[in-house]
N, C-alpha and C. Protein backbone atom coordinates (compact mmCIF):
# COMPACT_ATOMS: atom_id res chain seq x y z
N MET A 1 88.22 -62.95 -143.84
CA MET A 1 88.35 -64.39 -143.90
C MET A 1 87.94 -65.02 -142.57
N CYS A 2 88.40 -64.49 -141.47
CA CYS A 2 88.12 -65.13 -140.18
C CYS A 2 87.41 -64.12 -139.29
N ARG A 3 86.13 -64.01 -139.45
CA ARG A 3 85.37 -62.98 -138.75
C ARG A 3 85.36 -63.15 -137.24
N ASN A 4 85.63 -64.34 -136.72
CA ASN A 4 85.54 -64.56 -135.29
C ASN A 4 86.79 -64.15 -134.52
N ILE A 5 87.87 -63.83 -135.21
CA ILE A 5 89.06 -63.35 -134.51
C ILE A 5 88.83 -61.88 -134.18
N THR A 6 88.92 -61.54 -132.90
CA THR A 6 88.65 -60.17 -132.49
C THR A 6 89.92 -59.33 -132.54
N THR A 7 89.73 -58.03 -132.62
CA THR A 7 90.85 -57.10 -132.64
C THR A 7 91.49 -57.06 -131.26
N LEU A 8 92.79 -57.26 -131.21
CA LEU A 8 93.50 -57.27 -129.93
C LEU A 8 94.24 -55.96 -129.67
N ARG A 9 94.48 -55.21 -130.69
CA ARG A 9 95.19 -53.94 -130.54
C ARG A 9 94.29 -52.91 -129.88
N GLY A 10 94.80 -52.24 -128.87
CA GLY A 10 94.06 -51.16 -128.23
C GLY A 10 93.19 -51.59 -127.07
N LEU A 11 93.29 -52.83 -126.65
CA LEU A 11 92.49 -53.29 -125.51
C LEU A 11 93.02 -52.69 -124.22
N GLU A 12 92.12 -52.47 -123.29
CA GLU A 12 92.50 -52.03 -121.94
C GLU A 12 91.89 -52.99 -120.95
N PRO A 13 92.66 -53.72 -120.20
CA PRO A 13 94.12 -53.82 -120.27
C PRO A 13 94.57 -54.48 -121.57
N PRO A 14 95.85 -54.38 -121.90
CA PRO A 14 96.34 -54.94 -123.17
C PRO A 14 96.06 -56.44 -123.30
N ALA A 15 96.09 -56.90 -124.53
CA ALA A 15 95.84 -58.32 -124.81
C ALA A 15 96.81 -59.19 -124.03
N THR A 16 96.29 -60.27 -123.48
CA THR A 16 97.13 -61.21 -122.72
C THR A 16 97.76 -62.22 -123.67
N ASP A 17 98.75 -62.94 -123.16
CA ASP A 17 99.36 -64.01 -123.95
C ASP A 17 98.32 -65.06 -124.33
N ALA A 18 97.39 -65.35 -123.42
CA ALA A 18 96.35 -66.34 -123.70
C ALA A 18 95.43 -65.87 -124.82
N GLU A 19 95.09 -64.58 -124.84
CA GLU A 19 94.22 -64.05 -125.91
C GLU A 19 94.94 -64.07 -127.25
N ILE A 20 96.22 -63.73 -127.24
CA ILE A 20 97.00 -63.76 -128.48
C ILE A 20 97.13 -65.19 -128.97
N ARG A 21 97.39 -66.13 -128.07
CA ARG A 21 97.53 -67.54 -128.46
C ARG A 21 96.20 -68.08 -129.00
N ALA A 22 95.08 -67.71 -128.37
CA ALA A 22 93.77 -68.17 -128.84
C ALA A 22 93.51 -67.67 -130.26
N ALA A 23 93.87 -66.43 -130.54
CA ALA A 23 93.69 -65.88 -131.89
C ALA A 23 94.59 -66.61 -132.89
N ALA A 24 95.84 -66.90 -132.48
CA ALA A 24 96.77 -67.63 -133.35
C ALA A 24 96.24 -69.03 -133.64
N ASP A 25 95.76 -69.72 -132.60
CA ASP A 25 95.19 -71.06 -132.79
C ASP A 25 94.02 -71.02 -133.76
N GLN A 26 93.14 -70.04 -133.57
CA GLN A 26 91.97 -69.95 -134.44
C GLN A 26 92.37 -69.66 -135.88
N PHE A 27 93.35 -68.79 -136.07
CA PHE A 27 93.84 -68.49 -137.41
C PHE A 27 94.40 -69.74 -138.08
N ILE A 28 95.22 -70.50 -137.36
CA ILE A 28 95.81 -71.72 -137.92
C ILE A 28 94.72 -72.74 -138.24
N ARG A 29 93.75 -72.91 -137.35
CA ARG A 29 92.63 -73.84 -137.63
C ARG A 29 91.89 -73.42 -138.89
N LYS A 30 91.68 -72.11 -139.05
CA LYS A 30 90.92 -71.62 -140.21
C LYS A 30 91.67 -71.85 -141.52
N VAL A 31 92.96 -71.50 -141.56
CA VAL A 31 93.69 -71.62 -142.82
C VAL A 31 94.06 -73.04 -143.18
N THR A 32 94.16 -73.93 -142.16
CA THR A 32 94.54 -75.32 -142.47
C THR A 32 93.35 -76.26 -142.53
N GLY A 33 92.28 -75.90 -141.83
CA GLY A 33 91.15 -76.81 -141.75
C GLY A 33 91.39 -77.94 -140.75
N VAL A 34 92.48 -77.85 -139.98
CA VAL A 34 92.83 -78.88 -139.00
C VAL A 34 92.22 -78.50 -137.66
N GLN A 35 91.50 -79.44 -137.06
CA GLN A 35 90.87 -79.20 -135.76
C GLN A 35 91.79 -79.66 -134.64
N THR A 36 91.47 -79.27 -133.43
CA THR A 36 92.30 -79.60 -132.28
C THR A 36 92.34 -81.10 -132.00
N SER A 37 91.36 -81.83 -132.50
CA SER A 37 91.31 -83.28 -132.27
C SER A 37 92.12 -84.07 -133.30
N ALA A 38 92.92 -83.39 -134.10
CA ALA A 38 93.70 -84.06 -135.14
C ALA A 38 94.77 -84.97 -134.54
N SER A 39 95.30 -85.83 -135.38
CA SER A 39 96.36 -86.74 -134.93
C SER A 39 97.62 -85.93 -134.58
N ALA A 40 98.50 -86.54 -133.82
CA ALA A 40 99.73 -85.86 -133.40
C ALA A 40 100.56 -85.43 -134.60
N THR A 41 100.55 -86.24 -135.66
CA THR A 41 101.32 -85.92 -136.86
C THR A 41 100.85 -84.61 -137.47
N THR A 42 99.57 -84.35 -137.42
CA THR A 42 99.00 -83.12 -137.96
C THR A 42 99.02 -82.00 -136.93
N ARG A 43 98.77 -82.35 -135.70
CA ARG A 43 98.66 -81.35 -134.63
C ARG A 43 99.99 -80.65 -134.35
N GLU A 44 101.09 -81.39 -134.35
CA GLU A 44 102.39 -80.81 -133.99
C GLU A 44 102.83 -79.69 -134.93
N PRO A 45 102.74 -79.84 -136.26
CA PRO A 45 103.11 -78.71 -137.13
C PRO A 45 102.18 -77.50 -136.92
N CYS A 46 100.92 -77.78 -136.62
CA CYS A 46 99.98 -76.68 -136.38
C CYS A 46 100.33 -75.97 -135.08
N GLU A 47 100.76 -76.71 -134.06
CA GLU A 47 101.19 -76.10 -132.80
C GLU A 47 102.39 -75.19 -133.02
N ARG A 48 103.36 -75.67 -133.81
CA ARG A 48 104.55 -74.86 -134.10
C ARG A 48 104.16 -73.60 -134.87
N ALA A 49 103.24 -73.74 -135.82
CA ALA A 49 102.79 -72.58 -136.59
C ALA A 49 102.07 -71.58 -135.69
N ALA A 50 101.23 -72.07 -134.79
CA ALA A 50 100.52 -71.18 -133.88
C ALA A 50 101.49 -70.47 -132.94
N ASP A 51 102.55 -71.17 -132.51
CA ASP A 51 103.59 -70.54 -131.69
C ASP A 51 104.22 -69.38 -132.45
N ALA A 52 104.55 -69.63 -133.73
CA ALA A 52 105.19 -68.60 -134.55
C ALA A 52 104.25 -67.42 -134.76
N VAL A 53 102.99 -67.69 -135.07
CA VAL A 53 102.01 -66.62 -135.29
C VAL A 53 101.84 -65.80 -134.01
N ALA A 54 101.74 -66.47 -132.86
CA ALA A 54 101.58 -65.76 -131.59
C ALA A 54 102.78 -64.86 -131.31
N ALA A 55 103.98 -65.34 -131.59
CA ALA A 55 105.19 -64.54 -131.38
C ALA A 55 105.19 -63.31 -132.30
N ILE A 56 104.81 -63.52 -133.54
CA ILE A 56 104.77 -62.41 -134.51
C ILE A 56 103.73 -61.38 -134.08
N VAL A 57 102.56 -61.82 -133.67
CA VAL A 57 101.50 -60.91 -133.25
C VAL A 57 101.91 -60.14 -131.99
N THR A 58 102.55 -60.82 -131.05
CA THR A 58 103.02 -60.15 -129.84
C THR A 58 103.99 -59.04 -130.19
N ALA A 59 104.95 -59.33 -131.07
CA ALA A 59 105.93 -58.32 -131.50
C ALA A 59 105.23 -57.19 -132.25
N LEU A 60 104.31 -57.53 -133.12
CA LEU A 60 103.59 -56.52 -133.90
C LEU A 60 102.79 -55.58 -133.00
N LEU A 61 102.05 -56.14 -132.04
CA LEU A 61 101.25 -55.31 -131.14
C LEU A 61 102.15 -54.38 -130.33
N ALA A 62 103.34 -54.84 -129.99
CA ALA A 62 104.28 -54.01 -129.22
C ALA A 62 104.82 -52.85 -130.06
N GLU A 63 104.94 -53.05 -131.36
CA GLU A 63 105.50 -52.02 -132.25
C GLU A 63 104.48 -50.99 -132.72
N LEU A 64 103.22 -51.39 -132.84
CA LEU A 64 102.22 -50.48 -133.39
C LEU A 64 101.93 -49.33 -132.42
N PRO A 65 101.59 -48.15 -132.97
CA PRO A 65 101.21 -47.04 -132.10
C PRO A 65 99.86 -47.34 -131.43
N ALA A 66 99.59 -46.64 -130.34
CA ALA A 66 98.33 -46.83 -129.62
C ALA A 66 97.15 -46.48 -130.52
N ARG A 67 96.06 -47.15 -130.31
CA ARG A 67 94.82 -46.85 -131.06
C ARG A 67 94.15 -45.64 -130.44
N ARG A 68 93.50 -44.87 -131.27
CA ARG A 68 92.76 -43.71 -130.77
C ARG A 68 91.41 -44.13 -130.21
N VAL A 69 90.86 -45.18 -130.80
CA VAL A 69 89.54 -45.68 -130.38
C VAL A 69 89.69 -47.16 -130.05
N PRO A 70 89.21 -47.59 -128.90
CA PRO A 70 89.33 -49.02 -128.57
C PRO A 70 88.49 -49.89 -129.51
N PRO A 71 88.81 -51.17 -129.61
CA PRO A 71 88.02 -52.07 -130.47
C PRO A 71 86.57 -52.13 -130.01
N LYS A 72 85.67 -52.40 -130.94
CA LYS A 72 84.23 -52.44 -130.64
C LYS A 72 83.82 -53.73 -129.95
N THR A 73 84.59 -54.79 -130.17
CA THR A 73 84.22 -56.08 -129.58
C THR A 73 85.20 -56.47 -128.48
N VAL A 74 84.71 -57.26 -127.55
CA VAL A 74 85.53 -57.77 -126.45
C VAL A 74 86.00 -59.16 -126.83
N PRO A 75 87.29 -59.46 -126.63
CA PRO A 75 87.77 -60.81 -126.95
C PRO A 75 87.00 -61.86 -126.16
N PRO A 76 86.76 -63.02 -126.76
CA PRO A 76 85.98 -64.06 -126.08
C PRO A 76 86.51 -64.43 -124.70
N LEU A 77 87.83 -64.48 -124.52
CA LEU A 77 88.37 -64.89 -123.22
C LEU A 77 88.05 -63.90 -122.11
N ARG A 78 87.57 -62.70 -122.46
CA ARG A 78 87.19 -61.71 -121.46
C ARG A 78 85.69 -61.74 -121.15
N ARG A 79 84.94 -62.55 -121.87
CA ARG A 79 83.49 -62.63 -121.66
C ARG A 79 83.17 -63.66 -120.59
N GLU A 80 82.28 -63.29 -119.68
CA GLU A 80 81.95 -64.17 -118.56
C GLU A 80 81.39 -65.51 -119.02
N GLU A 81 80.52 -65.50 -120.03
CA GLU A 81 79.91 -66.76 -120.48
C GLU A 81 80.95 -67.69 -121.09
N VAL A 82 81.96 -67.13 -121.75
CA VAL A 82 83.02 -67.95 -122.32
C VAL A 82 83.89 -68.51 -121.21
N GLN A 83 84.21 -67.69 -120.23
CA GLN A 83 85.00 -68.17 -119.09
C GLN A 83 84.27 -69.29 -118.36
N ALA A 84 82.95 -69.17 -118.23
CA ALA A 84 82.15 -70.22 -117.57
C ALA A 84 82.19 -71.52 -118.38
N ARG A 85 82.09 -71.42 -119.71
CA ARG A 85 82.15 -72.62 -120.56
C ARG A 85 83.51 -73.30 -120.45
N ILE A 86 84.58 -72.49 -120.46
CA ILE A 86 85.93 -73.05 -120.34
C ILE A 86 86.09 -73.75 -119.00
N ALA A 87 85.64 -73.11 -117.93
CA ALA A 87 85.74 -73.71 -116.59
C ALA A 87 84.96 -75.02 -116.53
N ALA A 88 83.77 -75.06 -117.14
CA ALA A 88 82.96 -76.28 -117.14
C ALA A 88 83.68 -77.40 -117.90
N ARG A 89 84.30 -77.08 -119.04
CA ARG A 89 85.04 -78.08 -119.80
C ARG A 89 86.22 -78.62 -119.01
N VAL A 90 86.91 -77.73 -118.31
CA VAL A 90 88.05 -78.16 -117.50
C VAL A 90 87.58 -79.10 -116.40
N ARG A 91 86.47 -78.74 -115.73
CA ARG A 91 85.93 -79.60 -114.67
C ARG A 91 85.54 -80.97 -115.23
N GLU A 92 84.86 -80.98 -116.39
CA GLU A 92 84.45 -82.24 -117.01
C GLU A 92 85.66 -83.10 -117.37
N ARG A 93 86.69 -82.46 -117.93
CA ARG A 93 87.89 -83.20 -118.32
C ARG A 93 88.58 -83.78 -117.08
N GLU A 94 88.67 -82.98 -116.02
CA GLU A 94 89.29 -83.47 -114.79
C GLU A 94 88.50 -84.63 -114.19
N GLU A 95 87.19 -84.52 -114.20
CA GLU A 95 86.34 -85.60 -113.69
C GLU A 95 86.52 -86.87 -114.53
N HIS A 96 86.59 -86.71 -115.84
CA HIS A 96 86.79 -87.84 -116.75
C HIS A 96 88.13 -88.52 -116.46
N GLU A 97 89.17 -87.72 -116.30
CA GLU A 97 90.50 -88.27 -116.01
C GLU A 97 90.51 -88.97 -114.65
N ARG A 98 89.79 -88.40 -113.68
CA ARG A 98 89.70 -89.02 -112.36
C ARG A 98 89.03 -90.38 -112.45
N MET A 99 88.00 -90.49 -113.28
CA MET A 99 87.30 -91.77 -113.46
C MET A 99 88.25 -92.82 -114.04
N HIS A 100 89.09 -92.40 -114.99
CA HIS A 100 90.08 -93.31 -115.55
C HIS A 100 91.06 -93.76 -114.48
N GLU A 101 91.55 -92.81 -113.68
CA GLU A 101 92.52 -93.13 -112.63
C GLU A 101 91.95 -94.11 -111.61
N LEU A 102 90.67 -93.95 -111.30
CA LEU A 102 90.04 -94.80 -110.30
C LEU A 102 89.48 -96.09 -110.89
N GLY A 103 89.52 -96.21 -112.20
CA GLY A 103 89.02 -97.42 -112.86
C GLY A 103 87.51 -97.52 -112.86
N ILE A 104 86.83 -96.37 -112.79
CA ILE A 104 85.36 -96.35 -112.79
C ILE A 104 84.87 -96.43 -114.22
N ALA A 105 83.91 -97.33 -114.46
CA ALA A 105 83.34 -97.47 -115.79
C ALA A 105 82.57 -96.19 -116.15
N HIS A 106 82.72 -95.76 -117.39
CA HIS A 106 82.01 -94.57 -117.87
C HIS A 106 81.96 -94.61 -119.39
N GLN A 107 81.20 -93.68 -119.96
CA GLN A 107 81.06 -93.62 -121.42
C GLN A 107 81.93 -92.51 -121.98
N HIS A 108 82.36 -92.72 -123.22
CA HIS A 108 83.15 -91.70 -123.92
C HIS A 108 82.28 -91.03 -124.93
């Protein structure tokens, strides 16, 4: 169903909380069709669901036996190009917020 969610079990080093949360967010977006830009009324139940899914996955990964063979794919958060895109978005968002704070005219 959700081909873009990567296998987190058996990673070295083990999956981080951020990687587990990203997978939970993606799963919730896929099953609900709700995007991150949704209204607060829609976003809040999805946030709670993603919290629950992340907690369940964390517990599940802790209980499962070690994998004999590591996963074939690397989670997106471990890829340099993805990290660069995330950093660029953060910089853009911070710059945008700074423009608001300073009262500088800009486009949305």
